[in-house]
């Protein structure tokens, strides 16, 4: 008997079907990866499985848990047996200390004090957070907060865990550790897990089943290895495979001798594949990497001896020295809590340093996108958000136009709004990111990825000299991530200076020229992504880990294709 069965399920919100005739079964102990573009219905599906969070709208079909309709589940069974975690670590925290947070759900179901203490002791020890029990949750890192959130679900002894992009705000190391914990829970305790993720590399190899949604439809469902054959030629979903797998498929296309070899899903399998191809690889003529760009020496920003801390005893940035030239594309990397976001706020002029100076070239215009785009929304529709830039019509000499669409194609649908008008460039960006269908929606009702796109478009429409982006890839599906990367390269080539932070090392490897690492409040490294990632073993890309023995300087799929002429 299936633990969870979704049967002919549809969901309609505001006259639009968000989910359409979804059918699948999940057995006890399975680890299921739920994928799809932003707005495809992933979060809506998870919320409909958890009856307490069922969204407002019309439902058709049925969802069974333990052979019982979810809406008919006893309240305590639903609360205990089905746990749901959100992507924002702070969204689920309701108390002040770690021990209070873990105890809260147990108190809600009326367990005796001794039983509550026993469960907290067991779970905190298992997770290795027993030393943090009396810490204020606000002092924890993002990874620690997610462990506390997971712990507060597991003390209820659930049969099914639903996790909605749980690593989207974690650095690569914390993300790996969190997913490793999920795998352990699945393998050692047979807890059934359904997780939505946009970062495939860490999680894809150990998923028993992968489900792809597109526009509310179930597009593909299969085990993780066989689904690669289903999607490898799909122009959208081919980006939803691990990078190691994509490199493997490129090699298969070039060399007939490995066409029948099982596709690699992990770095370990990728390295084994290359080792088995050693004789073939040695005969491949190596091409040089081309990473050249004409440098501009016009200085836009100069940072001297910058210090910052919210409290005297908590110094976040220590003596930072930094300069930015016109036309540079810079990424600032580092772990959660290292001070990256604080540094961007200082550069954007949103906060003032305790000591030191930031000097800007005359008339420098800055656009800043917060890592939580919702804090920058002020209107009740997406359309108004995008028209509320310079009195709605943008007159600019910014001539980037990669879309080549006619004015007729860029005219906004009359059904959307008869009085608010968007510029042609705004509509080109709207169509490029495929968000025309949400123009009438409230920004808060959009998915995390859609909110990122809206905030990014707003920033571009302001025609800045410097574009400052705090975690712009957070919440973006792989195809949107790819499109953002291409667009940022175009914008940068047109002269806009870009400074951003991200935990997405593959995005950095594929796009950025200069990489700055902040560690312990100071600038630890300031060089190229190639130099940083090729010299690291852990803090590097999955591609580099796979090919390091053969192509030590290759840090992206593009590099591998270029050096091996794939």
Foldseek 3Di string as FASTA:
>chain_A
DFQKWFALKWWDDPNAILAGGDTDTHHFLAEEEEEEFFSLCQVQVLLLQQVVRNDDTDMDGFMDGPNHTSVPDDPLLSLQAEAEAEQQLVVQADDFFLLCRLLVVVVVVPDDPVLSVVLCVVLCVVLVNPVRRGPTLVPDFLLVSLSSSVSSNCSSPYQEYEYEANCLPFFPVSSLVVLVVVLCCSVVVRRYYYYYHQQCQNNLVRGQKYWYGYSNYTDDIDGSQVVCVVCCPPPPCVLVAHQLQVLQVVVLVVDVVCVPPRGDRHLVSLQVVCVVCVVVLVPQFFDDDDDDDDDAPAWFKWWFQFWADPDPVGTQAGGETDTDHWLAEEEEEEGGSNCPLVVLCCQVVVDDTPDTDMDGDPPAFEFEADPQNVVVDDDFFLLCLQQVAPNREFDDPLPDDPQPDDVVVQFQDVVQDVPHGHYSVLSSLCVLLVPSVRRGHGLVPGFRQVSLSSSVSSRVSNVGLEYEYEASCRRGHSVSLVSVLVVVQSSSVSTRYYYYYHSPQQSQLVHHAWYWYRDNNYTPDIGGSLVVQLVDQRSAASVCNNCCVPCSSDRYPVSVCNTSVD
